[in-house]
């Protein structure tokens, strides 16, 4: 992976605010056909100043809600605008966590959940900063390491201990400030299906190895600190539903995706409380 394409600055000093992000999503989704969506339009429709609009766009892109190269909602963002614009559902937060923390481009977000927490002993926020400054010392200026890095570490800590992602209880803090991850045990079957299919779509493969789902950075076992037995049981449940084919016998340990299912099919079913309908 190309480290030059990674993004250090996502929050630019702002905290995660789902209410303001909801205003941005609503403005983008409610634009009339042919209406040009630009920064002036978004400032007017949201009532937010330019700097806040820009930073909410940065956060929205980091979480896969807004297209990377256009002021336009992603297909998932469009779905959110209709079904969970205020980010109240646990399934929404789980999928957002996967999209954001599983994206290698989001430097601090990705490294916190795929390297720092899984591989290093619990440490406080100052310890996180020391860790990142040491590992990034040859890649960024002293100003970025002292200023921007501090903002991004604070953003992640606040997002998962006090702000919107707190509901997932993935990140916890001891009385002396040390941060540690909690093991996930409860996972919605439709959301885990959406994650598996999204990964397959990005990799352009329909066959995934179970060991990768368990141990590969950016996938559920690592991102959610999931117990292997619980994760295998989840996949077996998906197999029983007919949503994937789990081949766990005859020296095989792999997940075969169905050709006619897409990640968005499972997300749509989750929000509508229905069985997924194949669209492929």
C-alpha atoms as a PDB file:
ATOM      1  CA  UNK A   1       0.000   0.000   0.000  1.00  0.00           C
ATOM      2  CA  UNK A   2       1.199   3.502  -0.867  1.00  0.00           C
ATOM      3  CA  UNK A   3       1.889   5.392   2.356  1.00  0.00           C
ATOM      4  CA  UNK A   4       2.034   8.690   0.393  1.00  0.00           C
ATOM      5  CA  UNK A   5      -1.713   8.473  -0.185  1.00  0.00           C
ATOM      6  CA  UNK A   6      -2.500   8.288   3.507  1.00  0.00           C
ATOM      7  CA  UNK A   7      -4.266  11.176   5.190  1.00  0.00           C
ATOM      8  CA  UNK A   8      -3.070  12.483   8.540  1.00  0.00           C
ATOM      9  CA  UNK A   9      -5.590  15.312   8.856  1.00  0.00           C
ATOM     10  CA  UNK A  10      -9.244  14.301   8.962  1.00  0.00           C
ATOM     11  CA  UNK A  11     -10.679  16.282  11.864  1.00  0.00           C
ATOM     12  CA  UNK A  12      -8.535  19.443  11.521  1.00  0.00           C
ATOM     13  CA  UNK A  13      -9.081  20.107  15.198  1.00  0.00           C
ATOM     14  CA  UNK A  14     -12.839  19.474  15.277  1.00  0.00           C
ATOM     15  CA  UNK A  15     -14.642  16.797  17.274  1.00  0.00           C
ATOM     16  CA  UNK A  16     -17.040  14.296  15.755  1.00  0.00           C
ATOM     17  CA  UNK A  17     -20.520  15.851  15.752  1.00  0.00           C
ATOM     18  CA  UNK A  18     -23.166  13.622  14.201  1.00  0.00           C
ATOM     19  CA  UNK A  19     -25.836  16.357  14.429  1.00  0.00           C
ATOM     20  CA  UNK A  20     -23.839  18.672  12.192  1.00  0.00           C
ATOM     21  CA  UNK A  21     -22.943  15.805   9.878  1.00  0.00           C
ATOM     22  CA  UNK A  22     -26.669  15.025   9.632  1.00  0.00           C
ATOM     23  CA  UNK A  23     -27.312  18.597   8.485  1.00  0.00           C
ATOM     24  CA  UNK A  24     -24.706  18.184   5.773  1.00  0.00           C
ATOM     25  CA  UNK A  25     -26.179  14.864   4.606  1.00  0.00           C
ATOM     26  CA  UNK A  26     -29.680  16.353   4.534  1.00  0.00           C
ATOM     27  CA  UNK A  27     -28.481  19.326   2.479  1.00  0.00           C
ATOM     28  CA  UNK A  28     -26.757  17.098  -0.065  1.00  0.00           C
ATOM     29  CA  UNK A  29     -29.705  14.743  -0.365  1.00  0.00           C
ATOM     30  CA  UNK A  30     -32.366  17.436  -0.625  1.00  0.00           C
ATOM     31  CA  UNK A  31     -30.728  19.410  -3.437  1.00  0.00           C
ATOM     32  CA  UNK A  32     -33.025  19.777  -6.421  1.00  0.00           C
ATOM     33  CA  UNK A  33     -32.218  17.896  -9.599  1.00  0.00           C
ATOM     34  CA  UNK A  34     -29.626  19.846 -11.546  1.00  0.00           C
ATOM     35  CA  UNK A  35     -28.717  21.923  -8.487  1.00  0.00           C
ATOM     36  CA  UNK A  36     -24.966  22.431  -8.297  1.00  0.00           C
ATOM     37  CA  UNK A  37     -23.714  21.395  -4.878  1.00  0.00           C
ATOM     38  CA  UNK A  38     -20.731  23.503  -3.864  1.00  0.00           C
ATOM     39  CA  UNK A  39     -19.374  24.931  -0.649  1.00  0.00           C
ATOM     40  CA  UNK A  40     -21.552  28.066  -0.855  1.00  0.00           C
ATOM     41  CA  UNK A  41     -24.675  25.943  -1.267  1.00  0.00           C
ATOM     42  CA  UNK A  42     -23.740  23.766   1.719  1.00  0.00           C
ATOM     43  CA  UNK A  43     -22.935  26.769   3.917  1.00  0.00           C
ATOM     44  CA  UNK A  44     -26.327  28.269   3.141  1.00  0.00           C
ATOM     45  CA  UNK A  45     -28.322  25.043   3.582  1.00  0.00           C
ATOM     46  CA  UNK A  46     -26.615  23.883   6.787  1.00  0.00           C
ATOM     47  CA  UNK A  47     -26.087  27.247   8.450  1.00  0.00           C
ATOM     48  CA  UNK A  48     -22.520  26.202   9.182  1.00  0.00           C
ATOM     49  CA  UNK A  49     -19.456  28.345   8.410  1.00  0.00           C
ATOM     50  CA  UNK A  50     -17.049  27.335   5.642  1.00  0.00           C
ATOM     51  CA  UNK A  51     -14.471  25.776   7.978  1.00  0.00           C
ATOM     52  CA  UNK A  52     -17.026  23.553   9.694  1.00  0.00           C
ATOM     53  CA  UNK A  53     -18.567  22.465   6.379  1.00  0.00           C
ATOM     54  CA  UNK A  54     -15.116  21.581   5.053  1.00  0.00           C
ATOM     55  CA  UNK A  55     -14.233  19.549   8.130  1.00  0.00           C
ATOM     56  CA  UNK A  56     -17.573  17.696   8.164  1.00  0.00           C
ATOM     57  CA  UNK A  57     -16.981  16.806   4.517  1.00  0.00           C
ATOM     58  CA  UNK A  58     -13.551  15.456   5.496  1.00  0.00           C
ATOM     59  CA  UNK A  59     -15.096  13.320   8.243  1.00  0.00           C
ATOM     60  CA  UNK A  60     -17.908  12.164   5.958  1.00  0.00           C
ATOM     61  CA  UNK A  61     -15.410  11.046   3.347  1.00  0.00           C
ATOM     62  CA  UNK A  62     -13.305   9.251   5.944  1.00  0.00           C
ATOM     63  CA  UNK A  63     -16.404   7.298   6.997  1.00  0.00           C
ATOM     64  CA  UNK A  64     -17.525   6.459   3.455  1.00  0.00           C
ATOM     65  CA  UNK A  65     -20.639   8.653   3.574  1.00  0.00           C
ATOM     66  CA  UNK A  66     -19.508  11.221   0.990  1.00  0.00           C
ATOM     67  CA  UNK A  67     -17.820  10.419  -2.307  1.00  0.00           C
ATOM     68  CA  UNK A  68     -14.067  10.883  -2.297  1.00  0.00           C
ATOM     69  CA  UNK A  69     -13.816  13.205  -5.293  1.00  0.00           C
ATOM     70  CA  UNK A  70     -17.210  14.889  -5.414  1.00  0.00           C
ATOM     71  CA  UNK A  71     -19.621  16.756  -3.151  1.00  0.00           C
ATOM     72  CA  UNK A  72     -22.043  13.898  -3.403  1.00  0.00           C
ATOM     73  CA  UNK A  73     -23.369  11.243  -1.030  1.00  0.00           C
ATOM     74  CA  UNK A  74     -22.112   7.714  -1.522  1.00  0.00           C
ATOM     75  CA  UNK A  75     -24.759   4.991  -2.015  1.00  0.00           C
ATOM     76  CA  UNK A  76     -24.407   4.227   1.705  1.00  0.00           C
ATOM     77  CA  UNK A  77     -24.787   7.952   2.477  1.00  0.00           C
ATOM     78  CA  UNK A  78     -28.012   8.058   0.468  1.00  0.00           C
ATOM     79  CA  UNK A  79     -29.302   5.062   2.422  1.00  0.00           C
ATOM     80  CA  UNK A  80     -28.417   6.765   5.704  1.00  0.00           C
ATOM     81  CA  UNK A  81     -30.199   9.955   4.680  1.00  0.00           C
ATOM     82  CA  UNK A  82     -33.462   8.018   4.418  1.00  0.00           C
ATOM     83  CA  UNK A  83     -33.180   5.589   7.308  1.00  0.00           C
ATOM     84  CA  UNK A  84     -30.751   6.780   9.992  1.00  0.00           C
ATOM     85  CA  UNK A  85     -29.667  10.335   9.332  1.00  0.00           C
ATOM     86  CA  UNK A  86     -28.906  10.942  13.031  1.00  0.00           C
ATOM     87  CA  UNK A  87     -26.697   7.826  13.376  1.00  0.00           C
ATOM     88  CA  UNK A  88     -28.816   6.298  16.129  1.00  0.00           C
ATOM     89  CA  UNK A  89     -28.559   2.636  15.130  1.00  0.00           C
ATOM     90  CA  UNK A  90     -25.797   0.405  16.472  1.00  0.00           C
ATOM     91  CA  UNK A  91     -25.587  -1.265  13.064  1.00  0.00           C
ATOM     92  CA  UNK A  92     -24.909   2.107  11.443  1.00  0.00           C
ATOM     93  CA  UNK A  93     -22.056   2.742  13.860  1.00  0.00           C
ATOM     94  CA  UNK A  94     -20.618  -0.731  13.306  1.00  0.00           C
ATOM     95  CA  UNK A  95     -20.557  -0.265   9.554  1.00  0.00           C
ATOM     96  CA  UNK A  96     -19.144   3.258   9.849  1.00  0.00           C
ATOM     97  CA  UNK A  97     -16.407   1.944  12.137  1.00  0.00           C
ATOM     98  CA  UNK A  98     -15.528  -0.691   9.561  1.00  0.00           C
ATOM     99  CA  UNK A  99     -15.434   1.868   6.723  1.00  0.00           C
ATOM    100  CA  UNK A 100     -13.377   4.421   8.677  1.00  0.00           C
ATOM    101  CA  UNK A 101     -11.031   2.322  10.812  1.00  0.00           C
ATOM    102  CA  UNK A 102     -10.659  -0.267   8.057  1.00  0.00           C
ATOM    103  CA  UNK A 103      -9.545   2.295   5.472  1.00  0.00           C
ATOM    104  CA  UNK A 104      -5.743   2.330   5.192  1.00  0.00           C
ATOM    105  CA  UNK A 105      -5.878   5.899   3.905  1.00  0.00           C
ATOM    106  CA  UNK A 106      -7.185   7.167   7.273  1.00  0.00           C
ATOM    107  CA  UNK A 107      -3.777   7.028   8.920  1.00  0.00           C
ATOM    108  CA  UNK A 108      -4.438   7.526  12.639  1.00  0.00           C
ATOM    109  CA  UNK A 109      -7.891   5.913  12.603  1.00  0.00           C
ATOM    110  CA  UNK A 110      -6.565   2.797  10.860  1.00  0.00           C
ATOM    111  CA  UNK A 111      -3.391   2.429  12.904  1.00  0.00           C
ATOM    112  CA  UNK A 112      -5.156   2.845  16.243  1.00  0.00           C
ATOM    113  CA  UNK A 113      -7.498  -0.101  15.655  1.00  0.00           C
ATOM    114  CA  UNK A 114      -5.283  -2.319  13.504  1.00  0.00           C
ATOM    115  CA  UNK A 115      -1.823  -1.852  15.025  1.00  0.00           C
ATOM    116  CA  UNK A 116      -1.682   0.145  18.240  1.00  0.00           C
ATOM    117  CA  UNK A 117      -4.534  -1.450  20.197  1.00  0.00           C
ATOM    118  CA  UNK A 118      -3.996  -5.069  18.994  1.00  0.00           C
ATOM    119  CA  UNK A 119      -0.200  -5.089  19.316  1.00  0.00           C
ATOM    120  CA  UNK A 120       0.786  -2.646  22.064  1.00  0.00           C
ATOM    121  CA  UNK A 121       0.052  -2.626  25.803  1.00  0.00           C
ATOM    122  CA  UNK A 122      -2.574  -0.174  27.066  1.00  0.00           C
ATOM    123  CA  UNK A 123      -1.304   3.393  27.245  1.00  0.00           C
ATOM    124  CA  UNK A 124      -2.800   6.821  27.804  1.00  0.00           C
ATOM    125  CA  UNK A 125      -3.344   9.509  25.187  1.00  0.00           C
ATOM    126  CA  UNK A 126       0.156  10.879  25.730  1.00  0.00           C
ATOM    127  CA  UNK A 127       1.483   7.370  25.108  1.00  0.00           C
ATOM    128  CA  UNK A 128      -0.450   7.204  21.834  1.00  0.00           C
ATOM    129  CA  UNK A 129       1.111  10.488  20.744  1.00  0.00           C
ATOM    130  CA  UNK A 130       4.590   9.251  21.610  1.00  0.00           C
ATOM    131  CA  UNK A 131       3.957   6.043  19.669  1.00  0.00           C
ATOM    132  CA  UNK A 132       2.807   7.864  16.542  1.00  0.00           C
ATOM    133  CA  UNK A 133       5.546  10.495  16.693  1.00  0.00           C
ATOM    134  CA  UNK A 134       8.131   7.756  16.847  1.00  0.00           C
ATOM    135  CA  UNK A 135       6.648   5.752  13.974  1.00  0.00           C
ATOM    136  CA  UNK A 136       6.006   8.783  11.736  1.00  0.00           C
ATOM    137  CA  UNK A 137       9.092  10.855  12.521  1.00  0.00           C
ATOM    138  CA  UNK A 138      10.570  10.537   9.026  1.00  0.00           C
ATOM    139  CA  UNK A 139       7.280  11.046   7.173  1.00  0.00           C
ATOM    140  CA  UNK A 140       5.926  14.335   8.513  1.00  0.00           C
ATOM    141  CA  UNK A 141       7.221  17.728   9.595  1.00  0.00           C
ATOM    142  CA  UNK A 142       7.823  18.548  13.228  1.00  0.00           C
ATOM    143  CA  UNK A 143       4.841  20.926  13.105  1.00  0.00           C
ATOM    144  CA  UNK A 144       2.514  18.185  11.847  1.00  0.00           C
ATOM    145  CA  UNK A 145       3.748  15.758  14.493  1.00  0.00           C
ATOM    146  CA  UNK A 146       3.275  18.304  17.276  1.00  0.00           C
ATOM    147  CA  UNK A 147       0.051  19.932  16.084  1.00  0.00           C
ATOM    148  CA  UNK A 148      -1.954  17.927  13.544  1.00  0.00           C
ATOM    149  CA  UNK A 149      -1.150  14.556  15.086  1.00  0.00           C
ATOM    150  CA  UNK A 150      -2.326  15.753  18.487  1.00  0.00           C
ATOM    151  CA  UNK A 151      -5.641  16.847  16.933  1.00  0.00           C
ATOM    152  CA  UNK A 152      -6.205  13.508  15.233  1.00  0.00           C
ATOM    153  CA  UNK A 153      -5.390  11.402  18.288  1.00  0.00           C
ATOM    154  CA  UNK A 154      -7.703  13.554  20.391  1.00  0.00           C
ATOM    155  CA  UNK A 155     -10.414  13.192  17.725  1.00  0.00           C
ATOM    156  CA  UNK A 156     -10.291   9.378  17.879  1.00  0.00           C
ATOM    157  CA  UNK A 157     -10.200   9.227  21.674  1.00  0.00           C
ATOM    158  CA  UNK A 158     -13.143  11.620  21.996  1.00  0.00           C
ATOM    159  CA  UNK A 159     -15.135   9.913  19.216  1.00  0.00           C
ATOM    160  CA  UNK A 160     -14.961   6.496  20.910  1.00  0.00           C
ATOM    161  CA  UNK A 161     -15.057   7.449  24.590  1.00  0.00           C
ATOM    162  CA  UNK A 162     -17.394  10.480  24.630  1.00  0.00           C
ATOM    163  CA  UNK A 163     -18.945  11.114  21.211  1.00  0.00           C
ATOM    164  CA  UNK A 164     -20.958   9.117  18.674  1.00  0.00           C
ATOM    165  CA  UNK A 165     -18.936   5.894  18.605  1.00  0.00           C
ATOM    166  CA  UNK A 166     -19.082   5.523  22.394  1.00  0.00           C
ATOM    167  CA  UNK A 167     -22.208   3.395  21.962  1.00  0.00           C
ATOM    168  CA  UNK A 168     -20.058   0.610  20.456  1.00  0.00           C
ATOM    169  CA  UNK A 169     -17.959   0.398  23.647  1.00  0.00           C
ATOM    170  CA  UNK A 170     -14.916  -0.559  21.565  1.00  0.00           C
ATOM    171  CA  UNK A 171     -12.565   1.792  23.379  1.00  0.00           C
ATOM    172  CA  UNK A 172     -12.432   2.029  27.149  1.00  0.00           C
ATOM    173  CA  UNK A 173     -10.299   3.924  29.627  1.00  0.00           C
ATOM    174  CA  UNK A 174      -8.942   2.965  33.035  1.00  0.00           C
ATOM    175  CA  UNK A 175      -9.049   5.343  35.995  1.00  0.00           C
ATOM    176  CA  UNK A 176      -5.459   6.372  35.268  1.00  0.00           C
ATOM    177  CA  UNK A 177      -6.290   7.177  31.650  1.00  0.00           C
ATOM    178  CA  UNK A 178      -4.970   4.092  29.877  1.00  0.00           C
ATOM    179  CA  UNK A 179      -6.908   3.186  26.743  1.00  0.00           C
ATOM    180  CA  UNK A 180      -7.762  -0.394  25.929  1.00  0.00           C
ATOM    181  CA  UNK A 181     -10.098  -2.214  23.578  1.00  0.00           C
ATOM    182  CA  UNK A 182     -13.081  -4.303  24.576  1.00  0.00           C
ATOM    183  CA  UNK A 183     -13.879  -7.632  22.936  1.00  0.00           C
ATOM    184  CA  UNK A 184     -17.007  -7.569  20.760  1.00  0.00           C
ATOM    185  CA  UNK A 185     -19.434 -10.442  21.132  1.00  0.00           C
ATOM    186  CA  UNK A 186     -22.730  -9.165  19.713  1.00  0.00           C
ATOM    187  CA  UNK A 187     -22.915  -8.424  15.993  1.00  0.00           C
ATOM    188  CA  UNK A 188     -25.877  -8.034  13.645  1.00  0.00           C
ATOM    189  CA  UNK A 189     -25.837 -10.701  10.923  1.00  0.00           C
ATOM    190  CA  UNK A 190     -26.872  -8.299   8.171  1.00  0.00           C
ATOM    191  CA  UNK A 191     -24.125  -5.838   9.097  1.00  0.00           C
ATOM    192  CA  UNK A 192     -21.393  -8.482   9.188  1.00  0.00           C
ATOM    193  CA  UNK A 193     -22.663  -9.681   5.797  1.00  0.00           C
ATOM    194  CA  UNK A 194     -22.454  -6.131   4.422  1.00  0.00           C
ATOM    195  CA  UNK A 195     -18.884  -5.836   5.706  1.00  0.00           C
ATOM    196  CA  UNK A 196     -17.795  -9.129   4.162  1.00  0.00           C
ATOM    197  CA  UNK A 197     -19.402  -8.309   0.820  1.00  0.00           C
ATOM    198  CA  UNK A 198     -18.005  -4.763   0.810  1.00  0.00           C
ATOM    199  CA  UNK A 199     -14.510  -6.131   1.340  1.00  0.00           C
ATOM    200  CA  UNK A 200     -15.015  -8.661  -1.444  1.00  0.00           C
ATOM    201  CA  UNK A 201     -16.220  -5.901  -3.771  1.00  0.00           C
ATOM    202  CA  UNK A 202     -13.219  -3.705  -3.019  1.00  0.00           C
ATOM    203  CA  UNK A 203     -10.820  -6.599  -3.566  1.00  0.00           C
ATOM    204  CA  UNK A 204     -12.814  -7.842  -6.592  1.00  0.00           C
ATOM    205  CA  UNK A 205     -12.928 -11.365  -5.231  1.00  0.00           C
ATOM    206  CA  UNK A 206     -15.776 -13.690  -4.261  1.00  0.00           C
ATOM    207  CA  UNK A 207     -13.699 -16.100  -2.202  1.00  0.00           C
ATOM    208  CA  UNK A 208     -12.338 -15.062   1.202  1.00  0.00           C
ATOM    209  CA  UNK A 209     -10.201 -17.054   3.590  1.00  0.00           C
ATOM    210  CA  UNK A 210     -11.637 -17.389   7.083  1.00  0.00           C
ATOM    211  CA  UNK A 211      -8.219 -16.763   8.627  1.00  0.00           C
ATOM    212  CA  UNK A 212      -8.183 -13.357   6.904  1.00  0.00           C
ATOM    213  CA  UNK A 213     -11.581 -12.418   8.349  1.00  0.00           C
ATOM    214  CA  UNK A 214     -10.153 -13.289  11.773  1.00  0.00           C
ATOM    215  CA  UNK A 215      -6.631 -11.851  11.595  1.00  0.00           C
ATOM    216  CA  UNK A 216      -6.297  -9.410   8.670  1.00  0.00           C
ATOM    217  CA  UNK A 217      -6.133  -5.679   9.490  1.00  0.00           C
ATOM    218  CA  UNK A 218      -9.261  -3.869   8.393  1.00  0.00           C
ATOM    219  CA  UNK A 219     -11.526  -6.891   8.865  1.00  0.00           C
ATOM    220  CA  UNK A 220     -13.915  -7.781  11.739  1.00  0.00           C
ATOM    221  CA  UNK A 221     -11.645 -10.000  13.832  1.00  0.00           C
ATOM    222  CA  UNK A 222      -9.121  -7.201  14.315  1.00  0.00           C
ATOM    223  CA  UNK A 223     -11.327  -4.116  13.944  1.00  0.00           C
ATOM    224  CA  UNK A 224     -13.861  -5.285  16.518  1.00  0.00           C
ATOM    225  CA  UNK A 225     -11.546  -7.485  18.595  1.00  0.00           C
ATOM    226  CA  UNK A 226     -13.885 -10.404  17.981  1.00  0.00           C
ATOM    227  CA  UNK A 227     -13.455 -13.837  19.504  1.00  0.00           C
ATOM    228  CA  UNK A 228     -12.580 -16.390  16.800  1.00  0.00           C
ATOM    229  CA  UNK A 229     -15.220 -18.876  17.896  1.00  0.00           C
ATOM    230  CA  UNK A 230     -17.914 -16.187  17.919  1.00  0.00           C
ATOM    231  CA  UNK A 231     -16.870 -14.972  14.480  1.00  0.00           C
ATOM    232  CA  UNK A 232     -16.941 -18.489  13.051  1.00  0.00           C
ATOM    233  CA  UNK A 233     -20.402 -19.013  14.505  1.00  0.00           C
ATOM    234  CA  UNK A 234     -21.562 -15.806  12.854  1.00  0.00           C
ATOM    235  CA  UNK A 235     -20.285 -16.971   9.475  1.00  0.00           C
ATOM    236  CA  UNK A 236     -21.955 -20.355   9.961  1.00  0.00           C
ATOM    237  CA  UNK A 237     -25.217 -18.511  10.662  1.00  0.00           C
ATOM    238  CA  UNK A 238     -24.815 -16.556   7.416  1.00  0.00           C
ATOM    239  CA  UNK A 239     -24.289 -19.853   5.641  1.00  0.00           C
ATOM    240  CA  UNK A 240     -27.508 -21.228   7.141  1.00  0.00           C
ATOM    241  CA  UNK A 241     -29.386 -18.161   5.881  1.00  0.00           C
ATOM    242  CA  UNK A 242     -28.021 -18.768   2.389  1.00  0.00           C
ATOM    243  CA  UNK A 243     -26.245 -15.409   2.290  1.00  0.00           C
ATOM    244  CA  UNK A 244     -22.746 -16.904   1.911  1.00  0.00           C
ATOM    245  CA  UNK A 245     -21.351 -20.378   1.440  1.00  0.00           C
ATOM    246  CA  UNK A 246     -19.025 -21.359   4.281  1.00  0.00           C
ATOM    247  CA  UNK A 247     -16.725 -24.146   3.187  1.00  0.00           C
ATOM    248  CA  UNK A 248     -15.230 -25.385   6.428  1.00  0.00           C
ATOM    249  CA  UNK A 249     -14.659 -29.056   5.691  1.00  0.00           C
ATOM    250  CA  UNK A 250     -12.295 -31.205   3.582  1.00  0.00           C
ATOM    251  CA  UNK A 251      -9.301 -29.038   4.492  1.00  0.00           C
ATOM    252  CA  UNK A 252     -11.145 -25.899   3.384  1.00  0.00           C
ATOM    253  CA  UNK A 253     -11.763 -22.866   5.590  1.00  0.00           C
ATOM    254  CA  UNK A 254     -13.184 -20.229   3.319  1.00  0.00           C
ATOM    255  CA  UNK A 255     -16.207 -18.058   2.599  1.00  0.00           C
ATOM    256  CA  UNK A 256     -17.661 -18.004  -0.902  1.00  0.00           C
ATOM    257  CA  UNK A 257     -19.760 -14.942  -1.713  1.00  0.00           C
ATOM    258  CA  UNK A 258     -22.913 -15.217  -3.786  1.00  0.00           C
ATOM    259  CA  UNK A 259     -22.652 -13.612  -7.231  1.00  0.00           C
ATOM    260  CA  UNK A 260     -26.008 -11.839  -7.018  1.00  0.00           C
ATOM    261  CA  UNK A 261     -25.591 -10.203  -3.602  1.00  0.00           C
ATOM    262  CA  UNK A 262     -24.008  -6.805  -2.926  1.00  0.00           C
ATOM    263  CA  UNK A 263     -23.102  -5.093   0.348  1.00  0.00           C
ATOM    264  CA  UNK A 264     -25.837  -2.513  -0.170  1.00  0.00           C
ATOM    265  CA  UNK A 265     -28.448  -5.299  -0.346  1.00  0.00           C
ATOM    266  CA  UNK A 266     -27.691  -6.275   3.254  1.00  0.00           C
ATOM    267  CA  UNK A 267     -27.590  -2.671   4.461  1.00  0.00           C
ATOM    268  CA  UNK A 268     -30.953  -1.964   2.819  1.00  0.00           C
ATOM    269  CA  UNK A 269     -32.426  -5.079   4.434  1.00  0.00           C
ATOM    270  CA  UNK A 270     -31.046  -4.021   7.824  1.00  0.00           C
ATOM    271  CA  UNK A 271     -32.738  -0.624   7.701  1.00  0.00           C
ATOM    272  CA  UNK A 272     -36.007  -1.971   6.326  1.00  0.00           C
ATOM    273  CA  UNK A 273     -36.148  -4.901   8.749  1.00  0.00           C
ATOM    274  CA  UNK A 274     -36.485  -7.327   5.856  1.00  0.00           C
ATOM    275  CA  UNK A 275     -34.652 -10.211   4.227  1.00  0.00           C
ATOM    276  CA  UNK A 276     -31.924  -9.138   1.793  1.00  0.00           C
ATOM    277  CA  UNK A 277     -32.930  -9.132  -1.855  1.00  0.00           C
ATOM    278  CA  UNK A 278     -30.151  -9.817  -4.374  1.00  0.00           C
ATOM    279  CA  UNK A 279     -29.527  -6.999  -6.848  1.00  0.00           C
ATOM    280  CA  UNK A 280     -26.507  -8.337  -8.728  1.00  0.00           C
END
